[in-house]
N, C-alpha and C. Protein backbone atom coordinates (compact mmCIF):
# COMPACT_ATOMS: atom_id res chain seq x y z
N MET A 1 10.99 6.17 -22.95
CA MET A 1 10.30 5.97 -21.68
C MET A 1 10.70 4.64 -21.04
N LYS A 2 10.69 3.57 -21.85
CA LYS A 2 11.01 2.24 -21.31
C LYS A 2 12.42 2.21 -20.76
N GLU A 3 13.35 2.88 -21.47
CA GLU A 3 14.74 2.91 -20.99
C GLU A 3 14.85 3.72 -19.71
N ASN A 4 14.12 4.84 -19.62
CA ASN A 4 14.11 5.63 -18.39
C ASN A 4 13.59 4.81 -17.22
N VAL A 5 12.49 4.08 -17.46
CA VAL A 5 11.90 3.25 -16.41
C VAL A 5 12.91 2.21 -15.92
N LYS A 6 13.59 1.58 -16.86
CA LYS A 6 14.58 0.57 -16.50
C LYS A 6 15.68 1.15 -15.61
N GLU A 7 16.15 2.35 -15.97
CA GLU A 7 17.21 3.00 -15.20
C GLU A 7 16.70 3.47 -13.84
N ILE A 8 15.49 4.00 -13.78
CA ILE A 8 14.91 4.44 -12.50
C ILE A 8 14.74 3.24 -11.56
N ILE A 9 14.26 2.14 -12.09
CA ILE A 9 14.11 0.92 -11.27
C ILE A 9 15.45 0.48 -10.72
N ALA A 10 16.49 0.50 -11.55
CA ALA A 10 17.82 0.07 -11.12
C ALA A 10 18.37 0.98 -10.02
N ILE A 11 18.17 2.29 -10.17
CA ILE A 11 18.66 3.24 -9.16
C ILE A 11 17.95 3.04 -7.83
N LEU A 12 16.62 2.89 -7.87
CA LEU A 12 15.86 2.68 -6.63
C LEU A 12 16.21 1.34 -6.00
N LYS A 13 16.44 0.33 -6.82
CA LYS A 13 16.80 -0.99 -6.29
C LYS A 13 18.15 -0.92 -5.59
N ASP A 14 19.08 -0.18 -6.18
CA ASP A 14 20.40 -0.04 -5.58
C ASP A 14 20.32 0.74 -4.27
N ARG A 15 19.42 1.72 -4.20
CA ARG A 15 19.31 2.57 -3.00
C ARG A 15 18.59 1.85 -1.86
N TYR A 16 17.57 1.05 -2.18
CA TYR A 16 16.71 0.48 -1.14
C TYR A 16 16.75 -1.04 -1.02
N GLY A 17 17.43 -1.71 -1.94
CA GLY A 17 17.54 -3.16 -1.85
C GLY A 17 16.19 -3.85 -1.88
N ASP A 18 16.05 -4.88 -1.06
CA ASP A 18 14.79 -5.62 -1.00
C ASP A 18 13.67 -4.69 -0.56
N ALA A 19 12.63 -4.65 -1.32
CA ALA A 19 11.51 -3.75 -1.02
C ALA A 19 10.46 -4.50 -0.23
N LEU A 20 10.43 -4.25 1.06
CA LEU A 20 9.47 -4.94 1.92
C LEU A 20 8.39 -3.97 2.36
N CYS A 21 7.20 -4.49 2.55
CA CYS A 21 6.10 -3.68 3.06
C CYS A 21 6.45 -3.17 4.45
N ALA A 22 6.21 -1.90 4.71
CA ALA A 22 6.57 -1.31 6.00
C ALA A 22 5.61 -1.73 7.11
N LEU A 23 4.46 -2.26 6.76
CA LEU A 23 3.48 -2.68 7.77
C LEU A 23 3.86 -4.04 8.35
N HIS A 24 3.70 -4.18 9.65
CA HIS A 24 4.06 -5.42 10.33
C HIS A 24 2.86 -6.38 10.38
N TYR A 25 3.10 -7.63 10.01
CA TYR A 25 2.03 -8.62 10.06
C TYR A 25 2.64 -10.02 10.01
N GLU A 26 1.87 -11.00 10.45
CA GLU A 26 2.30 -12.39 10.37
C GLU A 26 1.33 -13.23 9.55
N LYS A 27 0.05 -12.85 9.54
CA LYS A 27 -0.97 -13.62 8.84
C LYS A 27 -1.56 -12.78 7.71
N ASP A 28 -2.09 -13.45 6.70
CA ASP A 28 -2.58 -12.71 5.54
C ASP A 28 -3.66 -11.69 5.90
N TYR A 29 -4.59 -12.06 6.76
CA TYR A 29 -5.66 -11.12 7.09
C TYR A 29 -5.14 -9.96 7.94
N GLU A 30 -4.02 -10.18 8.66
CA GLU A 30 -3.44 -9.08 9.44
C GLU A 30 -2.91 -7.99 8.51
N LEU A 31 -2.37 -8.39 7.36
CA LEU A 31 -1.93 -7.38 6.39
C LEU A 31 -3.14 -6.62 5.84
N MET A 32 -4.21 -7.33 5.56
CA MET A 32 -5.43 -6.68 5.09
C MET A 32 -5.91 -5.64 6.09
N ILE A 33 -5.89 -5.99 7.37
CA ILE A 33 -6.32 -5.07 8.42
C ILE A 33 -5.36 -3.87 8.51
N ALA A 34 -4.07 -4.15 8.50
CA ALA A 34 -3.08 -3.08 8.62
C ALA A 34 -3.19 -2.08 7.48
N VAL A 35 -3.42 -2.58 6.27
CA VAL A 35 -3.56 -1.68 5.12
C VAL A 35 -4.80 -0.81 5.28
N ARG A 36 -5.88 -1.41 5.77
CA ARG A 36 -7.11 -0.60 5.99
C ARG A 36 -6.83 0.50 7.00
N LEU A 37 -6.11 0.19 8.06
CA LEU A 37 -5.82 1.19 9.08
C LEU A 37 -4.88 2.28 8.56
N SER A 38 -4.09 1.96 7.54
CA SER A 38 -3.09 2.91 7.05
C SER A 38 -3.69 4.03 6.19
N ALA A 39 -4.96 3.92 5.83
CA ALA A 39 -5.58 4.96 5.02
C ALA A 39 -5.54 6.29 5.77
N GLN A 40 -4.91 7.29 5.17
CA GLN A 40 -4.76 8.62 5.79
C GLN A 40 -4.15 8.53 7.19
N CYS A 41 -3.21 7.61 7.31
CA CYS A 41 -2.49 7.42 8.57
C CYS A 41 -1.11 6.88 8.22
N THR A 42 -0.12 7.15 9.05
CA THR A 42 1.23 6.67 8.74
C THR A 42 1.38 5.19 9.08
N ASP A 43 2.27 4.52 8.34
CA ASP A 43 2.56 3.12 8.64
C ASP A 43 3.14 2.98 10.05
N ALA A 44 3.93 3.95 10.47
CA ALA A 44 4.53 3.90 11.80
C ALA A 44 3.45 3.88 12.88
N ARG A 45 2.43 4.71 12.72
CA ARG A 45 1.31 4.74 13.67
C ARG A 45 0.57 3.41 13.67
N VAL A 46 0.31 2.87 12.48
CA VAL A 46 -0.38 1.58 12.39
C VAL A 46 0.41 0.49 13.11
N ASN A 47 1.72 0.50 12.95
CA ASN A 47 2.55 -0.52 13.59
C ASN A 47 2.57 -0.40 15.11
N LEU A 48 2.23 0.78 15.62
CA LEU A 48 2.10 0.95 17.07
C LEU A 48 0.77 0.42 17.58
N VAL A 49 -0.24 0.45 16.70
CA VAL A 49 -1.61 0.09 17.09
C VAL A 49 -1.90 -1.40 16.93
N THR A 50 -1.40 -2.00 15.86
CA THR A 50 -1.79 -3.38 15.57
C THR A 50 -1.36 -4.44 16.60
N PRO A 51 -0.23 -4.30 17.30
CA PRO A 51 0.10 -5.34 18.28
C PRO A 51 -0.99 -5.56 19.32
N ALA A 52 -1.56 -4.49 19.85
CA ALA A 52 -2.62 -4.63 20.85
C ALA A 52 -3.89 -5.18 20.22
N LEU A 53 -4.18 -4.76 18.99
CA LEU A 53 -5.37 -5.25 18.30
C LEU A 53 -5.26 -6.75 18.02
N PHE A 54 -4.11 -7.17 17.52
CA PHE A 54 -3.93 -8.59 17.19
C PHE A 54 -3.81 -9.45 18.45
N ALA A 55 -3.34 -8.86 19.54
CA ALA A 55 -3.29 -9.60 20.80
C ALA A 55 -4.68 -9.79 21.38
N ALA A 56 -5.52 -8.77 21.25
CA ALA A 56 -6.89 -8.84 21.78
C ALA A 56 -7.72 -9.84 20.98
N TYR A 57 -7.45 -9.92 19.67
CA TYR A 57 -8.21 -10.82 18.79
C TYR A 57 -7.20 -11.63 17.96
N PRO A 58 -6.65 -12.70 18.54
CA PRO A 58 -5.51 -13.38 17.94
C PRO A 58 -5.80 -14.30 16.76
N THR A 59 -7.07 -14.51 16.45
CA THR A 59 -7.42 -15.37 15.31
C THR A 59 -8.41 -14.64 14.41
N LEU A 60 -8.54 -15.15 13.21
CA LEU A 60 -9.52 -14.56 12.29
C LEU A 60 -10.92 -14.67 12.86
N GLU A 61 -11.22 -15.82 13.47
CA GLU A 61 -12.54 -16.03 14.07
C GLU A 61 -12.80 -15.03 15.19
N ALA A 62 -11.78 -14.78 16.00
CA ALA A 62 -11.93 -13.82 17.09
C ALA A 62 -12.16 -12.41 16.54
N MET A 63 -11.43 -12.05 15.50
CA MET A 63 -11.58 -10.71 14.92
C MET A 63 -12.96 -10.57 14.29
N ALA A 64 -13.44 -11.63 13.65
CA ALA A 64 -14.76 -11.58 13.02
C ALA A 64 -15.88 -11.44 14.06
N GLY A 65 -15.62 -11.92 15.26
CA GLY A 65 -16.62 -11.83 16.32
C GLY A 65 -16.38 -10.70 17.29
N ALA A 66 -15.46 -9.82 16.95
CA ALA A 66 -15.08 -8.74 17.86
C ALA A 66 -16.21 -7.73 18.05
N ASP A 67 -16.21 -7.12 19.22
CA ASP A 67 -17.11 -6.00 19.50
C ASP A 67 -16.57 -4.78 18.77
N ILE A 68 -17.33 -4.24 17.84
CA ILE A 68 -16.85 -3.13 17.03
C ILE A 68 -16.47 -1.94 17.90
N ALA A 69 -17.22 -1.71 18.96
CA ALA A 69 -16.91 -0.58 19.85
C ALA A 69 -15.53 -0.74 20.48
N HIS A 70 -15.18 -1.99 20.82
CA HIS A 70 -13.85 -2.22 21.40
C HIS A 70 -12.77 -2.05 20.36
N VAL A 71 -13.03 -2.50 19.14
CA VAL A 71 -12.06 -2.31 18.06
C VAL A 71 -11.87 -0.81 17.81
N GLU A 72 -12.94 -0.05 17.89
CA GLU A 72 -12.84 1.41 17.74
C GLU A 72 -11.86 1.99 18.75
N GLU A 73 -11.95 1.53 19.99
CA GLU A 73 -11.04 2.01 21.03
C GLU A 73 -9.59 1.69 20.69
N LEU A 74 -9.37 0.47 20.19
CA LEU A 74 -8.01 0.03 19.92
C LEU A 74 -7.37 0.74 18.73
N VAL A 75 -8.19 1.14 17.75
CA VAL A 75 -7.64 1.75 16.53
C VAL A 75 -7.89 3.26 16.47
N HIS A 76 -8.36 3.82 17.57
CA HIS A 76 -8.79 5.22 17.60
C HIS A 76 -7.74 6.18 17.06
N SER A 77 -6.47 5.95 17.41
CA SER A 77 -5.43 6.91 17.04
C SER A 77 -5.08 6.87 15.55
N CYS A 78 -5.62 5.90 14.82
CA CYS A 78 -5.36 5.84 13.37
C CYS A 78 -6.28 6.76 12.57
N GLY A 79 -7.25 7.37 13.24
CA GLY A 79 -8.18 8.25 12.54
C GLY A 79 -9.27 7.48 11.81
N PHE A 80 -10.39 8.15 11.59
CA PHE A 80 -11.54 7.52 10.92
C PHE A 80 -11.84 6.15 11.55
N TYR A 81 -11.71 6.10 12.85
CA TYR A 81 -11.71 4.81 13.56
C TYR A 81 -13.05 4.09 13.48
N LYS A 82 -14.14 4.81 13.40
CA LYS A 82 -15.44 4.14 13.32
C LYS A 82 -15.59 3.36 12.01
N HIS A 83 -15.26 4.01 10.92
CA HIS A 83 -15.34 3.34 9.61
C HIS A 83 -14.35 2.17 9.56
N LYS A 84 -13.14 2.40 10.04
CA LYS A 84 -12.11 1.38 9.96
C LYS A 84 -12.46 0.17 10.82
N ALA A 85 -12.94 0.40 12.03
CA ALA A 85 -13.30 -0.71 12.92
C ALA A 85 -14.42 -1.55 12.31
N ARG A 86 -15.41 -0.88 11.77
CA ARG A 86 -16.52 -1.60 11.15
C ARG A 86 -16.05 -2.43 9.96
N ASP A 87 -15.24 -1.81 9.11
CA ASP A 87 -14.74 -2.53 7.94
C ASP A 87 -13.90 -3.74 8.33
N ILE A 88 -13.08 -3.58 9.36
CA ILE A 88 -12.21 -4.68 9.79
C ILE A 88 -13.05 -5.89 10.22
N VAL A 89 -14.03 -5.66 11.06
CA VAL A 89 -14.85 -6.77 11.56
C VAL A 89 -15.66 -7.39 10.41
N LEU A 90 -16.29 -6.58 9.58
CA LEU A 90 -17.08 -7.10 8.47
C LEU A 90 -16.21 -7.83 7.45
N ALA A 91 -15.01 -7.31 7.21
CA ALA A 91 -14.11 -7.96 6.26
C ALA A 91 -13.70 -9.34 6.76
N CYS A 92 -13.40 -9.44 8.04
CA CYS A 92 -13.01 -10.74 8.61
C CYS A 92 -14.18 -11.72 8.57
N GLN A 93 -15.38 -11.22 8.81
CA GLN A 93 -16.56 -12.08 8.70
C GLN A 93 -16.70 -12.60 7.27
N MET A 94 -16.45 -11.74 6.29
CA MET A 94 -16.58 -12.15 4.90
C MET A 94 -15.51 -13.17 4.52
N LEU A 95 -14.31 -13.01 5.04
CA LEU A 95 -13.27 -14.01 4.76
C LEU A 95 -13.71 -15.39 5.22
N LEU A 96 -14.37 -15.44 6.36
CA LEU A 96 -14.84 -16.72 6.89
C LEU A 96 -16.01 -17.29 6.10
N THR A 97 -16.97 -16.43 5.76
CA THR A 97 -18.20 -16.93 5.13
C THR A 97 -18.07 -17.13 3.62
N GLU A 98 -17.22 -16.32 2.98
CA GLU A 98 -17.16 -16.37 1.52
C GLU A 98 -15.87 -16.95 0.96
N TYR A 99 -14.77 -16.84 1.72
CA TYR A 99 -13.47 -17.19 1.13
C TYR A 99 -12.69 -18.23 1.93
N GLY A 100 -13.37 -19.01 2.73
CA GLY A 100 -12.70 -20.11 3.42
C GLY A 100 -11.63 -19.69 4.40
N GLY A 101 -11.74 -18.48 4.91
CA GLY A 101 -10.79 -18.03 5.93
C GLY A 101 -9.47 -17.53 5.37
N LYS A 102 -9.40 -17.31 4.06
CA LYS A 102 -8.17 -16.81 3.43
C LYS A 102 -8.45 -15.52 2.67
N VAL A 103 -7.46 -14.65 2.64
CA VAL A 103 -7.56 -13.46 1.80
C VAL A 103 -7.50 -13.94 0.35
N PRO A 104 -8.51 -13.62 -0.45
CA PRO A 104 -8.54 -14.12 -1.83
C PRO A 104 -7.43 -13.53 -2.69
N GLY A 105 -7.16 -14.21 -3.80
CA GLY A 105 -6.02 -13.83 -4.64
C GLY A 105 -6.37 -13.24 -5.98
N THR A 106 -7.59 -12.68 -6.12
CA THR A 106 -7.94 -12.00 -7.37
C THR A 106 -8.49 -10.62 -7.06
N MET A 107 -8.29 -9.71 -7.98
CA MET A 107 -8.79 -8.35 -7.82
C MET A 107 -10.31 -8.35 -7.65
N GLU A 108 -10.99 -9.11 -8.47
CA GLU A 108 -12.46 -9.14 -8.43
C GLU A 108 -12.97 -9.55 -7.05
N GLU A 109 -12.37 -10.58 -6.47
CA GLU A 109 -12.82 -11.04 -5.16
C GLU A 109 -12.46 -10.04 -4.07
N LEU A 110 -11.27 -9.48 -4.14
CA LEU A 110 -10.82 -8.55 -3.11
C LEU A 110 -11.69 -7.30 -3.05
N LEU A 111 -12.13 -6.82 -4.21
CA LEU A 111 -12.92 -5.58 -4.23
C LEU A 111 -14.31 -5.76 -3.64
N LYS A 112 -14.71 -6.98 -3.37
CA LYS A 112 -16.00 -7.24 -2.73
C LYS A 112 -15.91 -7.10 -1.21
N ILE A 113 -14.71 -7.07 -0.68
CA ILE A 113 -14.50 -7.05 0.77
C ILE A 113 -14.66 -5.63 1.30
N PRO A 114 -15.39 -5.44 2.41
CA PRO A 114 -15.55 -4.10 2.98
C PRO A 114 -14.21 -3.42 3.26
N GLY A 115 -14.08 -2.19 2.80
CA GLY A 115 -12.87 -1.41 3.07
C GLY A 115 -11.72 -1.68 2.13
N VAL A 116 -11.89 -2.56 1.17
CA VAL A 116 -10.81 -2.88 0.23
C VAL A 116 -11.07 -2.20 -1.11
N GLY A 117 -10.20 -1.26 -1.47
CA GLY A 117 -10.24 -0.62 -2.77
C GLY A 117 -9.10 -1.13 -3.63
N ARG A 118 -8.87 -0.51 -4.77
CA ARG A 118 -7.85 -1.00 -5.69
C ARG A 118 -6.44 -0.90 -5.09
N LYS A 119 -6.16 0.18 -4.35
CA LYS A 119 -4.82 0.32 -3.77
C LYS A 119 -4.54 -0.83 -2.82
N THR A 120 -5.48 -1.10 -1.92
CA THR A 120 -5.33 -2.20 -0.96
C THR A 120 -5.24 -3.54 -1.69
N ALA A 121 -6.11 -3.73 -2.66
CA ALA A 121 -6.13 -5.00 -3.39
C ALA A 121 -4.81 -5.24 -4.11
N ASN A 122 -4.27 -4.22 -4.73
CA ASN A 122 -2.99 -4.38 -5.43
C ASN A 122 -1.87 -4.72 -4.46
N LEU A 123 -1.87 -4.08 -3.30
CA LEU A 123 -0.83 -4.38 -2.31
C LEU A 123 -0.95 -5.82 -1.83
N LEU A 124 -2.17 -6.28 -1.55
CA LEU A 124 -2.37 -7.66 -1.09
C LEU A 124 -1.96 -8.65 -2.17
N LEU A 125 -2.31 -8.37 -3.42
CA LEU A 125 -1.96 -9.26 -4.52
C LEU A 125 -0.44 -9.34 -4.68
N GLY A 126 0.22 -8.19 -4.58
CA GLY A 126 1.67 -8.17 -4.75
C GLY A 126 2.41 -8.81 -3.60
N ASP A 127 2.00 -8.49 -2.36
CA ASP A 127 2.75 -8.96 -1.19
C ASP A 127 2.40 -10.38 -0.78
N LEU A 128 1.15 -10.76 -0.91
CA LEU A 128 0.74 -12.10 -0.48
C LEU A 128 0.89 -13.14 -1.58
N TYR A 129 0.67 -12.72 -2.82
CA TYR A 129 0.63 -13.68 -3.93
C TYR A 129 1.63 -13.40 -5.04
N ALA A 130 2.42 -12.35 -4.91
CA ALA A 130 3.43 -12.00 -5.92
C ALA A 130 2.82 -11.95 -7.32
N VAL A 131 1.63 -11.37 -7.43
CA VAL A 131 0.97 -11.26 -8.72
C VAL A 131 1.67 -10.20 -9.57
N PRO A 132 2.17 -10.57 -10.74
CA PRO A 132 2.84 -9.58 -11.60
C PRO A 132 1.88 -8.45 -11.99
N GLY A 133 2.44 -7.25 -12.09
CA GLY A 133 1.64 -6.10 -12.51
C GLY A 133 0.84 -5.45 -11.41
N SER A 134 1.12 -5.80 -10.17
CA SER A 134 0.40 -5.19 -9.04
C SER A 134 0.98 -3.79 -8.78
N VAL A 135 0.18 -2.77 -9.02
CA VAL A 135 0.64 -1.38 -8.88
C VAL A 135 -0.12 -0.71 -7.74
N VAL A 136 0.59 -0.41 -6.65
CA VAL A 136 -0.02 0.23 -5.49
C VAL A 136 0.11 1.74 -5.68
N CYS A 137 -0.99 2.36 -6.01
CA CYS A 137 -0.97 3.78 -6.40
C CYS A 137 -1.41 4.66 -5.23
N ASP A 138 -0.46 4.99 -4.37
CA ASP A 138 -0.78 5.86 -3.23
C ASP A 138 -0.29 7.28 -3.53
N THR A 139 -0.37 8.15 -2.53
CA THR A 139 -0.02 9.55 -2.75
C THR A 139 1.45 9.72 -3.14
N HIS A 140 2.35 8.94 -2.51
CA HIS A 140 3.77 9.01 -2.87
C HIS A 140 3.95 8.64 -4.34
N CYS A 141 3.34 7.54 -4.75
CA CYS A 141 3.46 7.04 -6.12
C CYS A 141 2.96 8.08 -7.12
N ILE A 142 1.79 8.64 -6.86
CA ILE A 142 1.21 9.62 -7.78
C ILE A 142 2.11 10.85 -7.89
N ARG A 143 2.57 11.36 -6.75
CA ARG A 143 3.39 12.57 -6.74
C ARG A 143 4.72 12.33 -7.46
N ILE A 144 5.42 11.27 -7.11
CA ILE A 144 6.77 11.06 -7.63
C ILE A 144 6.75 10.64 -9.09
N CYS A 145 5.83 9.76 -9.46
CA CYS A 145 5.76 9.33 -10.86
C CYS A 145 5.37 10.50 -11.76
N GLY A 146 4.57 11.43 -11.22
CA GLY A 146 4.26 12.64 -11.97
C GLY A 146 5.50 13.50 -12.16
N ARG A 147 6.30 13.64 -11.10
CA ARG A 147 7.52 14.43 -11.19
C ARG A 147 8.52 13.82 -12.17
N LEU A 148 8.54 12.50 -12.22
CA LEU A 148 9.49 11.79 -13.09
C LEU A 148 8.99 11.63 -14.52
N GLY A 149 7.78 12.10 -14.78
CA GLY A 149 7.24 12.00 -16.12
C GLY A 149 6.75 10.61 -16.49
N LEU A 150 6.55 9.77 -15.48
CA LEU A 150 6.06 8.41 -15.75
C LEU A 150 4.54 8.37 -15.84
N SER A 151 3.89 9.39 -15.32
CA SER A 151 2.43 9.43 -15.34
C SER A 151 1.97 10.88 -15.35
N THR A 152 0.69 11.07 -15.68
CA THR A 152 0.09 12.40 -15.63
C THR A 152 -1.22 12.31 -14.87
N GLY A 153 -1.62 13.42 -14.26
CA GLY A 153 -2.86 13.45 -13.51
C GLY A 153 -2.69 12.91 -12.10
N LYS A 154 -3.78 13.01 -11.34
CA LYS A 154 -3.73 12.60 -9.94
C LYS A 154 -4.80 11.59 -9.56
N GLU A 155 -5.53 11.08 -10.55
CA GLU A 155 -6.53 10.07 -10.27
C GLU A 155 -5.85 8.71 -10.13
N PRO A 156 -5.96 8.06 -8.96
CA PRO A 156 -5.22 6.83 -8.71
C PRO A 156 -5.41 5.75 -9.78
N GLU A 157 -6.63 5.52 -10.22
CA GLU A 157 -6.87 4.44 -11.18
C GLU A 157 -6.22 4.76 -12.53
N LYS A 158 -6.26 6.02 -12.94
CA LYS A 158 -5.65 6.38 -14.22
C LYS A 158 -4.13 6.30 -14.15
N VAL A 159 -3.56 6.73 -13.02
CA VAL A 159 -2.11 6.62 -12.85
C VAL A 159 -1.71 5.14 -12.81
N GLU A 160 -2.50 4.33 -12.13
CA GLU A 160 -2.24 2.89 -12.09
C GLU A 160 -2.18 2.31 -13.51
N GLN A 161 -3.13 2.67 -14.35
CA GLN A 161 -3.17 2.16 -15.72
C GLN A 161 -1.94 2.61 -16.51
N GLN A 162 -1.54 3.87 -16.31
CA GLN A 162 -0.36 4.37 -17.01
C GLN A 162 0.90 3.61 -16.59
N LEU A 163 1.02 3.33 -15.29
CA LEU A 163 2.21 2.63 -14.79
C LEU A 163 2.21 1.17 -15.23
N ARG A 164 1.05 0.56 -15.26
CA ARG A 164 0.97 -0.83 -15.73
C ARG A 164 1.51 -0.96 -17.16
N ALA A 165 1.32 0.10 -17.95
CA ALA A 165 1.72 0.07 -19.35
C ALA A 165 3.23 0.17 -19.53
N ILE A 166 3.95 0.69 -18.53
CA ILE A 166 5.39 0.92 -18.72
C ILE A 166 6.28 0.15 -17.74
N LEU A 167 5.73 -0.29 -16.60
CA LEU A 167 6.54 -1.03 -15.63
C LEU A 167 6.63 -2.51 -16.01
N PRO A 168 7.81 -3.12 -15.92
CA PRO A 168 7.88 -4.57 -16.09
C PRO A 168 7.00 -5.22 -15.03
N PRO A 169 6.08 -6.11 -15.40
CA PRO A 169 5.14 -6.68 -14.43
C PRO A 169 5.81 -7.28 -13.19
N GLU A 170 6.95 -7.92 -13.39
CA GLU A 170 7.62 -8.58 -12.27
C GLU A 170 8.28 -7.59 -11.32
N GLU A 171 8.40 -6.33 -11.73
CA GLU A 171 9.05 -5.31 -10.91
C GLU A 171 8.05 -4.36 -10.25
N SER A 172 6.79 -4.40 -10.67
CA SER A 172 5.86 -3.33 -10.32
C SER A 172 5.60 -3.23 -8.82
N SER A 173 5.40 -4.35 -8.15
CA SER A 173 5.08 -4.32 -6.72
C SER A 173 6.25 -3.76 -5.92
N ASP A 174 7.46 -4.27 -6.17
CA ASP A 174 8.64 -3.78 -5.47
C ASP A 174 8.93 -2.31 -5.80
N PHE A 175 8.70 -1.93 -7.05
CA PHE A 175 8.88 -0.54 -7.45
C PHE A 175 8.03 0.38 -6.59
N CYS A 176 6.78 -0.01 -6.37
CA CYS A 176 5.87 0.83 -5.58
C CYS A 176 6.31 0.92 -4.13
N HIS A 177 6.81 -0.18 -3.56
CA HIS A 177 7.32 -0.12 -2.19
C HIS A 177 8.53 0.81 -2.11
N ARG A 178 9.40 0.73 -3.11
CA ARG A 178 10.60 1.59 -3.09
C ARG A 178 10.23 3.05 -3.29
N ILE A 179 9.22 3.31 -4.10
CA ILE A 179 8.77 4.69 -4.30
C ILE A 179 8.28 5.29 -2.98
N VAL A 180 7.60 4.49 -2.16
CA VAL A 180 7.14 4.97 -0.85
C VAL A 180 8.35 5.36 0.01
N LEU A 181 9.36 4.50 0.05
CA LEU A 181 10.57 4.80 0.84
C LEU A 181 11.25 6.06 0.31
N PHE A 182 11.34 6.18 -1.01
CA PHE A 182 11.95 7.33 -1.66
C PHE A 182 11.16 8.61 -1.35
N GLY A 183 9.84 8.48 -1.31
CA GLY A 183 8.99 9.63 -1.01
C GLY A 183 9.09 10.10 0.43
N ARG A 184 9.46 9.19 1.30
CA ARG A 184 9.59 9.56 2.71
C ARG A 184 10.94 10.20 3.02
N ASP A 185 12.01 9.69 2.41
CA ASP A 185 13.32 10.17 2.84
C ASP A 185 13.99 11.13 1.87
N CYS A 186 13.41 11.30 0.67
CA CYS A 186 14.06 12.18 -0.29
C CYS A 186 13.06 13.05 -1.05
N CYS A 187 12.19 12.42 -1.83
CA CYS A 187 11.26 13.18 -2.69
C CYS A 187 9.97 13.49 -1.94
N THR A 188 10.09 14.28 -0.89
CA THR A 188 8.96 14.62 -0.04
C THR A 188 8.03 15.60 -0.75
N ALA A 189 6.79 15.67 -0.26
CA ALA A 189 5.82 16.56 -0.90
C ALA A 189 6.26 18.02 -0.80
N ARG A 190 6.73 18.40 0.37
CA ARG A 190 7.23 19.75 0.58
C ARG A 190 8.73 19.70 0.82
N ASN A 191 9.43 20.65 0.25
CA ASN A 191 10.87 20.75 0.41
C ASN A 191 11.60 19.45 0.09
N PRO A 192 11.42 18.91 -1.12
CA PRO A 192 12.15 17.69 -1.49
C PRO A 192 13.66 17.93 -1.46
N LYS A 193 14.40 16.88 -1.13
CA LYS A 193 15.86 16.99 -0.99
C LYS A 193 16.53 16.76 -2.34
N CYS A 194 16.33 17.71 -3.24
CA CYS A 194 16.83 17.56 -4.61
C CYS A 194 18.35 17.45 -4.65
N GLY A 195 19.03 18.06 -3.68
CA GLY A 195 20.49 18.04 -3.66
C GLY A 195 21.07 16.66 -3.45
N GLU A 196 20.29 15.74 -2.87
CA GLU A 196 20.80 14.38 -2.66
C GLU A 196 19.99 13.34 -3.43
N CYS A 197 19.19 13.80 -4.38
CA CYS A 197 18.33 12.90 -5.15
C CYS A 197 19.10 12.25 -6.30
N PRO A 198 19.01 10.93 -6.44
CA PRO A 198 19.70 10.25 -7.54
C PRO A 198 18.91 10.24 -8.84
N LEU A 199 17.71 10.85 -8.83
CA LEU A 199 16.85 10.79 -10.02
C LEU A 199 16.59 12.16 -10.64
N THR A 200 17.40 13.16 -10.30
CA THR A 200 17.13 14.51 -10.79
C THR A 200 17.17 14.59 -12.32
N MET A 201 17.95 13.72 -12.97
CA MET A 201 18.04 13.79 -14.43
C MET A 201 16.73 13.43 -15.12
N TYR A 202 15.83 12.79 -14.37
CA TYR A 202 14.53 12.41 -14.93
C TYR A 202 13.39 13.32 -14.45
N CYS A 203 13.67 14.20 -13.52
CA CYS A 203 12.63 14.97 -12.85
C CYS A 203 12.20 16.18 -13.65
N LYS A 204 10.90 16.29 -13.92
CA LYS A 204 10.37 17.42 -14.69
C LYS A 204 10.41 18.71 -13.87
N GLU A 205 10.30 18.61 -12.56
CA GLU A 205 10.32 19.81 -11.74
C GLU A 205 11.74 20.34 -11.58
N PHE A 206 12.72 19.42 -11.53
CA PHE A 206 14.12 19.83 -11.40
C PHE A 206 14.64 20.35 -12.74
N ASN A 207 14.09 19.80 -13.82
CA ASN A 207 14.50 20.19 -15.19
C ASN A 207 13.27 20.69 -15.96
N PRO A 208 12.74 21.85 -15.59
CA PRO A 208 11.49 22.33 -16.23
C PRO A 208 11.70 22.63 -17.72
């Protein structure tokens, strides 16, 4: 398993190079907001929405004091806009009152923030603080790691634990970003492009 993981990481690294988060942001709290908006929404859609949102509320203080109804209007096309708008404003308020205006750097602190679950927390830890062992377990990750035999089941927290046990900690965050890219352009949920896949030798579905 460890040797397979090493080879899979090398192949994905060669295919995608530097693994950067697809969400656009300049400030730490902007990434927190963008990740919240990305729940059950594409990163491309979020990147269309956030420029107007960040322009309307250009500082953390402004976002914390935003009219939730107006934020709802700005993020409407991302879906679940009422929940997301509320979480965004409350989360920014909490950053100011509890964390000195900065996105905190521990899992325990992050999980206290409205709208932040383990997936979001792991992404923030990996991208903002380069915390080793940060595993972002989204639908792409669960689907592809299952196909590759790296994990079993579909519960995000259980898959996260399985991947933590086999991924080199220093590679885990970038691995997850590359898996997302791989899931979009090759190993899609429906009609995966197996004919151009560089990982078929590891795939349980291709080699039943």
